[in-house]
Amino acid sequence: MTFKKAVRTQVKLKIAITGPSGAGKTMSGLLIAQGMGKKIAVIDTENSSASLYADRFNFDTLCIYAPYTVQKYIDAMKAAEQAGYEVLVIDSLSHCWIGEGGLLAEKEALDARGGNSYTNWASISKKHELLKSAILNANINMICTIRSKQDYAQEKDERGKTVIKKVGLAPQQRDGLEFEFGVVFDLGMDHQASVSKDRTSIFDGTIFKPDQDTGKQLMTWLSSGEPITPAAQSTPKTAPETVAPPKQTPAATVEVPCDLCGTMVVLHHTKAGYYCPKKTAKGDGHLQFSLEKLPEFLARAKTLQQTTSDDLA
């Protein structure tokens, strides 16, 4: 484990756009995506509403219908990544939390069966963590729209008259999800955006209307980082295959002289090797040679036998 100098790399951008209904989340997402790449995919959970902009934008779409399970989202993300799209827009990410068959609906079903309402969160939290992991680790630039709860506030217009305005509050997703994104745009009903989080520092403190240039700015910032080089894949070293020498057992009639005591003995085989069974002063046999030396000693025995045969002739 070693530390090294930190550098900003060209990691894939993960962007969130929050806002109440009618704030322009889908349009803003498509505009930003158009500035980020040419090959755009949209995961549509809004009853094909994104396709209403098909005459203005060039993109492919995949519709998800109820039940809005986490697995459906993950499968759709993987499909977009494998198809080689440059940018993926998820419109919207709220359905897998508050929609029919979403995580909150699963939690209600668990509570209805009984058990501890608090501990029933365990399986829900696990699925939500899988969703977050899929978003963060996807090798594709991603824009996720998230609905905000709606409320109404009284404000004064430029003439000093009191007017009622629709405002967006907390995003309709699990608390803290916005921390997982690099940039979070918060849209108002005037379609103007502010940023509640901006790791790029491009839009900090500004109020603007998202457009294609917004996406281009993000890609310019991203391309200024260091390219990501895939880690060298090391091939695991395998030990060279060893071939055991053929098992050769000397014939029972073959006798060889023991190297240690000189006695002519018939060799006996053990796991350790061949040994001379002649009793020594300690009362046991002694090791003569290992299996690897067997061919050598067999050759010596053959020579000895041949010499004896010649003498008899």
Protein backbone atom coordinates (compact mmCIF):
# COMPACT_ATOMS: atom_id res chain seq x y z
CA MET A 1 0.00 0.00 0.00
CA THR A 2 1.63 3.22 -1.20
CA PHE A 3 0.48 6.83 -1.56
CA LYS A 4 0.99 8.74 -4.77
CA LYS A 5 0.41 12.31 -5.92
CA ALA A 6 -3.26 13.05 -6.54
CA VAL A 7 -4.25 14.05 -10.06
CA ARG A 8 -7.63 14.90 -11.56
CA THR A 9 -8.56 12.27 -14.09
CA GLN A 10 -11.17 12.08 -16.83
CA VAL A 11 -13.70 10.13 -14.78
CA LYS A 12 -17.21 9.93 -16.17
CA LEU A 13 -19.44 12.79 -15.02
CA LYS A 14 -22.51 12.06 -12.91
CA ILE A 15 -24.96 14.99 -12.93
CA ALA A 16 -28.30 15.47 -11.16
CA ILE A 17 -31.06 17.90 -12.13
CA THR A 18 -33.70 18.52 -9.47
CA GLY A 19 -36.88 20.53 -9.68
CA PRO A 20 -40.68 20.48 -9.36
CA SER A 21 -42.95 19.35 -12.15
CA GLY A 22 -42.84 21.83 -15.02
CA ALA A 23 -39.41 23.23 -14.17
CA GLY A 24 -37.92 21.80 -17.36
CA LYS A 25 -35.81 18.91 -16.06
CA THR A 26 -36.21 16.73 -19.16
CA MET A 27 -35.51 19.57 -21.59
CA SER A 28 -32.49 20.74 -19.57
CA GLY A 29 -31.13 17.20 -19.37
CA LEU A 30 -31.37 16.75 -23.14
CA LEU A 31 -29.79 20.14 -23.83
CA ILE A 32 -26.84 19.39 -21.54
CA ALA A 33 -26.48 15.89 -23.00
CA GLN A 34 -26.39 17.33 -26.54
CA GLY A 35 -23.38 19.41 -25.56
CA MET A 36 -21.63 16.43 -23.98
CA GLY A 37 -21.83 13.93 -26.85
CA LYS A 38 -23.56 12.85 -30.01
CA LYS A 39 -24.68 9.36 -29.07
CA ILE A 40 -27.34 9.89 -26.40
CA ALA A 41 -29.60 7.37 -24.65
CA VAL A 42 -32.59 8.12 -22.43
CA ILE A 43 -34.12 5.83 -19.80
CA ASP A 44 -37.70 7.11 -19.72
CA THR A 45 -39.93 6.39 -16.71
CA GLU A 46 -42.31 9.27 -17.46
CA ASN A 47 -44.68 7.44 -19.83
CA SER A 48 -42.52 8.22 -22.90
CA SER A 49 -42.61 11.95 -22.19
CA ALA A 50 -38.99 12.39 -23.30
CA SER A 51 -39.97 11.27 -26.80
CA LEU A 52 -42.05 14.45 -27.11
CA TYR A 53 -38.72 16.17 -27.77
CA ALA A 54 -37.67 13.73 -30.50
CA ASP A 55 -38.15 16.42 -33.17
CA ARG A 56 -35.59 18.65 -31.42
CA PHE A 57 -33.01 16.15 -30.23
CA ASN A 58 -31.43 13.01 -31.64
CA PHE A 59 -31.48 10.23 -29.04
CA ASP A 60 -32.49 6.62 -28.41
CA THR A 61 -34.92 5.76 -25.67
CA LEU A 62 -35.74 2.84 -23.41
CA CYS A 63 -39.00 3.02 -21.48
CA ILE A 64 -39.37 1.56 -17.98
CA TYR A 65 -42.83 0.91 -16.61
CA ALA A 66 -44.14 -0.08 -13.18
CA PRO A 67 -43.06 -1.76 -11.06
CA TYR A 68 -40.09 0.59 -10.90
CA THR A 69 -37.60 -1.79 -9.35
CA VAL A 70 -33.94 -1.00 -8.76
CA GLN A 71 -32.96 -3.98 -10.90
CA LYS A 72 -34.76 -2.52 -13.92
CA TYR A 73 -32.74 0.67 -13.58
CA ILE A 74 -29.47 -1.22 -13.20
CA ASP A 75 -30.19 -3.45 -16.21
CA ALA A 76 -31.05 -0.40 -18.34
CA MET A 77 -27.82 1.37 -17.29
CA LYS A 78 -25.76 -1.68 -18.19
CA ALA A 79 -27.49 -1.90 -21.58
CA ALA A 80 -26.64 1.74 -22.35
CA GLU A 81 -23.03 1.26 -21.31
CA GLN A 82 -22.60 -1.91 -23.36
CA ALA A 83 -24.17 -0.25 -26.41
CA GLY A 84 -21.46 2.42 -26.35
CA TYR A 85 -23.56 5.54 -25.74
CA GLU A 86 -21.63 8.68 -24.80
CA VAL A 87 -24.29 10.15 -22.52
CA LEU A 88 -27.16 8.54 -20.60
CA VAL A 89 -30.13 10.55 -19.32
CA ILE A 90 -32.29 8.91 -16.64
CA ASP A 91 -35.66 10.65 -16.56
CA SER A 92 -36.46 10.23 -13.77
CA LEU A 93 -34.59 8.70 -10.87
CA SER A 94 -37.47 9.41 -8.49
CA HIS A 95 -39.66 6.53 -9.63
CA CYS A 96 -37.45 3.81 -8.14
CA TRP A 97 -37.94 5.53 -4.77
CA ILE A 98 -41.52 6.87 -4.71
CA GLY A 99 -43.07 5.20 -7.77
CA GLU A 100 -45.28 2.15 -8.03
CA GLY A 101 -43.22 -0.87 -7.02
CA GLY A 102 -40.36 1.41 -5.92
CA LEU A 103 -38.36 1.09 -2.74
CA LEU A 104 -40.85 2.90 -0.53
CA ALA A 105 -43.60 0.63 -1.82
CA GLU A 106 -41.44 -2.39 -1.01
CA LYS A 107 -40.91 -1.03 2.49
CA GLU A 108 -44.67 -0.62 3.00
CA ALA A 109 -45.22 -4.20 1.85
CA LEU A 110 -42.64 -5.46 4.34
CA ASP A 111 -44.23 -3.49 7.17
CA ALA A 112 -47.65 -4.89 6.26
CA ARG A 113 -46.35 -8.41 6.78
CA GLY A 114 -45.32 -7.56 10.31
CA GLY A 115 -41.95 -7.51 11.97
CA ASN A 116 -39.93 -4.52 13.09
CA SER A 117 -40.52 -1.43 10.95
CA TYR A 118 -37.00 -0.21 11.64
CA THR A 119 -35.18 -3.43 10.76
CA ASN A 120 -37.30 -3.74 7.60
CA TRP A 121 -35.15 -0.94 6.19
CA ALA A 122 -32.18 -3.31 5.95
CA SER A 123 -33.12 -4.92 2.63
CA ILE A 124 -34.34 -1.57 1.23
CA SER A 125 -31.07 0.12 2.10
CA LYS A 126 -29.11 -2.68 0.49
CA LYS A 127 -30.99 -2.26 -2.80
CA HIS A 128 -30.52 1.51 -2.71
CA GLU A 129 -26.78 1.05 -2.20
CA LEU A 130 -26.72 -1.20 -5.28
CA LEU A 131 -28.43 1.58 -7.25
CA LYS A 132 -25.90 4.18 -6.10
CA SER A 133 -23.01 1.87 -6.89
CA ALA A 134 -24.36 1.23 -10.39
CA ILE A 135 -24.58 4.97 -11.06
CA LEU A 136 -21.14 5.81 -9.71
CA ASN A 137 -19.33 2.93 -11.38
CA ALA A 138 -21.03 3.13 -14.77
CA ASN A 139 -18.48 3.88 -17.48
CA ILE A 140 -20.68 6.50 -19.13
CA ASN A 141 -21.48 10.18 -18.56
CA MET A 142 -24.85 10.32 -16.84
CA ILE A 143 -27.55 12.92 -16.20
CA CYS A 144 -30.29 12.00 -13.71
CA THR A 145 -33.44 14.06 -13.27
CA ILE A 146 -35.02 13.98 -9.82
CA ARG A 147 -38.44 15.35 -8.92
CA SER A 148 -38.71 17.83 -6.07
CA LYS A 149 -41.64 18.13 -3.71
CA GLN A 150 -43.82 21.06 -4.63
CA ASP A 151 -44.93 23.89 -2.41
CA TYR A 152 -46.27 27.38 -2.89
CA ALA A 153 -44.84 30.59 -1.52
CA GLN A 154 -46.02 34.19 -1.44
CA GLU A 155 -43.61 36.64 -3.02
CA LYS A 156 -43.64 40.25 -4.13
CA ASP A 157 -43.32 40.99 -7.83
CA GLU A 158 -41.51 43.98 -9.32
CA ARG A 159 -44.63 46.11 -8.76
CA GLY A 160 -44.81 45.17 -5.12
CA LYS A 161 -47.85 42.96 -5.55
CA THR A 162 -48.13 39.65 -3.75
CA VAL A 163 -47.96 36.67 -6.10
CA ILE A 164 -48.13 32.94 -5.50
CA LYS A 165 -45.25 30.92 -6.91
CA LYS A 166 -44.66 27.19 -7.11
CA VAL A 167 -41.34 26.26 -5.54
CA GLY A 168 -39.39 23.04 -5.30
CA LEU A 169 -38.29 21.63 -1.99
CA ALA A 170 -36.39 18.44 -1.14
CA PRO A 171 -35.70 16.01 -4.01
CA GLN A 172 -37.98 12.96 -4.01
CA GLN A 173 -35.25 10.43 -3.43
CA ARG A 174 -33.55 9.07 -0.38
CA ASP A 175 -31.89 11.77 1.72
CA GLY A 176 -28.26 12.30 0.85
CA LEU A 177 -28.36 10.88 -2.68
CA GLU A 178 -27.30 14.25 -4.10
CA PHE A 179 -23.90 13.83 -2.44
CA GLU A 180 -23.11 11.04 -4.89
CA PHE A 181 -23.15 13.40 -7.90
CA GLY A 182 -20.37 15.67 -9.12
CA VAL A 183 -22.78 18.46 -10.11
CA VAL A 184 -26.35 19.10 -8.90
CA PHE A 185 -28.46 21.64 -10.79
CA ASP A 186 -31.58 22.92 -8.99
CA LEU A 187 -34.21 24.20 -11.41
CA GLY A 188 -36.93 26.72 -10.57
CA MET A 189 -40.23 27.22 -12.34
CA ASP A 190 -38.59 29.94 -14.43
CA HIS A 191 -36.28 27.22 -15.86
CA GLN A 192 -33.29 28.95 -14.29
CA ALA A 193 -30.73 26.79 -12.54
CA SER A 194 -28.55 27.24 -9.52
CA VAL A 195 -26.08 24.71 -8.21
CA SER A 196 -26.24 23.12 -4.76
CA LYS A 197 -23.11 21.14 -5.50
CA ASP A 198 -20.41 21.72 -8.10
CA ARG A 199 -17.11 19.87 -8.02
CA THR A 200 -16.13 21.54 -11.30
CA SER A 201 -16.42 25.06 -9.81
CA ILE A 202 -17.72 26.23 -13.22
CA PHE A 203 -21.22 27.25 -12.13
CA ASP A 204 -20.72 28.05 -8.46
CA GLY A 205 -22.70 31.12 -7.43
CA THR A 206 -24.37 31.61 -10.81
CA ILE A 207 -28.00 31.58 -11.95
CA PHE A 208 -28.47 30.53 -15.57
CA LYS A 209 -30.63 28.62 -18.00
CA PRO A 210 -29.03 25.26 -18.90
CA ASP A 211 -28.34 24.74 -22.59
CA GLN A 212 -26.01 22.94 -24.96
CA ASP A 213 -23.10 25.17 -23.94
CA THR A 214 -23.52 23.91 -20.36
CA GLY A 215 -22.66 20.42 -21.57
CA LYS A 216 -19.74 21.70 -23.64
CA GLN A 217 -18.32 23.50 -20.61
CA LEU A 218 -18.52 20.32 -18.60
CA MET A 219 -16.75 18.29 -21.28
CA THR A 220 -14.01 20.93 -21.66
CA TRP A 221 -13.40 20.74 -17.92
CA LEU A 222 -13.43 16.95 -18.02
CA SER A 223 -10.98 16.71 -20.94
CA SER A 224 -8.47 18.90 -19.08
CA GLY A 225 -7.90 16.07 -16.62
CA GLU A 226 -5.42 13.26 -16.99
CA PRO A 227 -6.54 10.39 -19.24
CA ILE A 228 -7.41 7.23 -17.39
CA THR A 229 -5.09 4.41 -18.32
CA PRO A 230 -6.45 0.95 -17.66
CA ALA A 231 -4.48 -0.86 -15.02
CA ALA A 232 -2.04 -3.35 -16.47
CA GLN A 233 -3.54 -6.73 -16.21
CA SER A 234 -0.98 -8.96 -14.70
CA THR A 235 -1.11 -12.54 -15.78
CA PRO A 236 -0.90 -14.73 -12.72
CA LYS A 237 2.28 -16.66 -12.65
CA THR A 238 1.79 -20.35 -12.56
CA ALA A 239 4.41 -22.71 -11.43
CA PRO A 240 5.92 -24.70 -14.30
CA GLU A 241 4.30 -28.03 -14.64
CA THR A 242 6.48 -30.69 -13.21
CA VAL A 243 6.37 -34.15 -14.63
CA ALA A 244 7.21 -36.83 -12.15
CA PRO A 245 9.80 -39.27 -13.44
CA PRO A 246 8.34 -42.62 -14.35
CA LYS A 247 8.08 -44.88 -11.39
CA GLN A 248 10.65 -47.57 -11.80
CA THR A 249 10.96 -50.36 -9.31
CA PRO A 250 13.99 -52.64 -9.58
CA ALA A 251 13.30 -56.30 -10.03
CA ALA A 252 13.46 -58.31 -6.83
CA THR A 253 16.40 -60.31 -8.18
CA VAL A 254 18.53 -57.21 -8.80
CA GLU A 255 21.13 -56.59 -6.18
CA VAL A 256 23.37 -53.55 -5.99
CA PRO A 257 26.13 -52.63 -3.62
CA CYS A 258 25.06 -50.19 -0.94
CA ASP A 259 27.04 -46.95 -1.19
CA LEU A 260 27.28 -46.72 2.56
CA CYS A 261 28.14 -50.24 3.65
CA GLY A 262 29.04 -52.03 0.43
CA THR A 263 26.67 -54.89 1.12
CA MET A 264 24.97 -56.46 -1.90
CA VAL A 265 21.30 -55.93 -1.16
CA VAL A 266 17.92 -56.03 -2.86
CA LEU A 267 16.58 -52.48 -2.78
CA HIS A 268 13.37 -51.63 -0.97
CA HIS A 269 11.22 -48.66 -2.04
CA THR A 270 9.67 -46.07 0.28
CA LYS A 271 8.26 -42.56 -0.25
CA ALA A 272 11.66 -41.16 0.70
CA GLY A 273 13.59 -43.26 -1.80
CA TYR A 274 15.35 -46.60 -1.87
CA TYR A 275 17.16 -47.85 1.16
CA CYS A 276 19.44 -50.62 2.25
CA PRO A 277 17.63 -52.91 4.69
CA LYS A 278 20.86 -54.10 6.29
CA LYS A 279 20.79 -53.47 10.00
CA THR A 280 23.24 -50.94 11.29
CA ALA A 281 24.62 -50.40 14.72
CA LYS A 282 21.48 -48.45 15.54
CA GLY A 283 19.38 -51.42 14.55
CA ASP A 284 17.63 -49.91 11.54
CA GLY A 285 18.09 -49.67 7.82
CA HIS A 286 19.66 -46.63 6.20
CA LEU A 287 18.79 -44.46 3.20
CA GLN A 288 20.75 -45.30 0.09
CA PHE A 289 19.53 -42.92 -2.65
CA SER A 290 16.53 -40.87 -3.77
CA LEU A 291 14.12 -41.63 -6.57
CA GLU A 292 15.91 -39.25 -8.94
CA LYS A 293 19.08 -41.36 -8.75
CA LEU A 294 17.30 -44.61 -9.47
CA PRO A 295 18.24 -44.77 -13.19
CA GLU A 296 21.89 -44.29 -12.28
CA PHE A 297 21.92 -47.12 -9.80
CA LEU A 298 19.94 -49.41 -12.04
CA ALA A 299 22.54 -48.84 -14.74
CA ARG A 300 25.26 -49.74 -12.26
CA ALA A 301 23.38 -52.91 -11.32
CA LYS A 302 22.99 -53.85 -14.98
CA THR A 303 26.70 -53.32 -15.57
CA LEU A 304 27.53 -55.40 -12.53
CA GLN A 305 25.28 -58.23 -13.70
CA GLN A 306 26.79 -58.12 -17.20
CA THR A 307 30.30 -58.28 -15.77
CA THR A 308 29.37 -61.29 -13.66
CA SER A 309 27.84 -63.05 -16.65
CA ASP A 310 30.99 -62.47 -18.76
CA ASP A 311 33.18 -63.89 -15.99
CA LEU A 312 31.01 -67.03 -15.82
CA ALA A 313 31.30 -67.46 -19.59
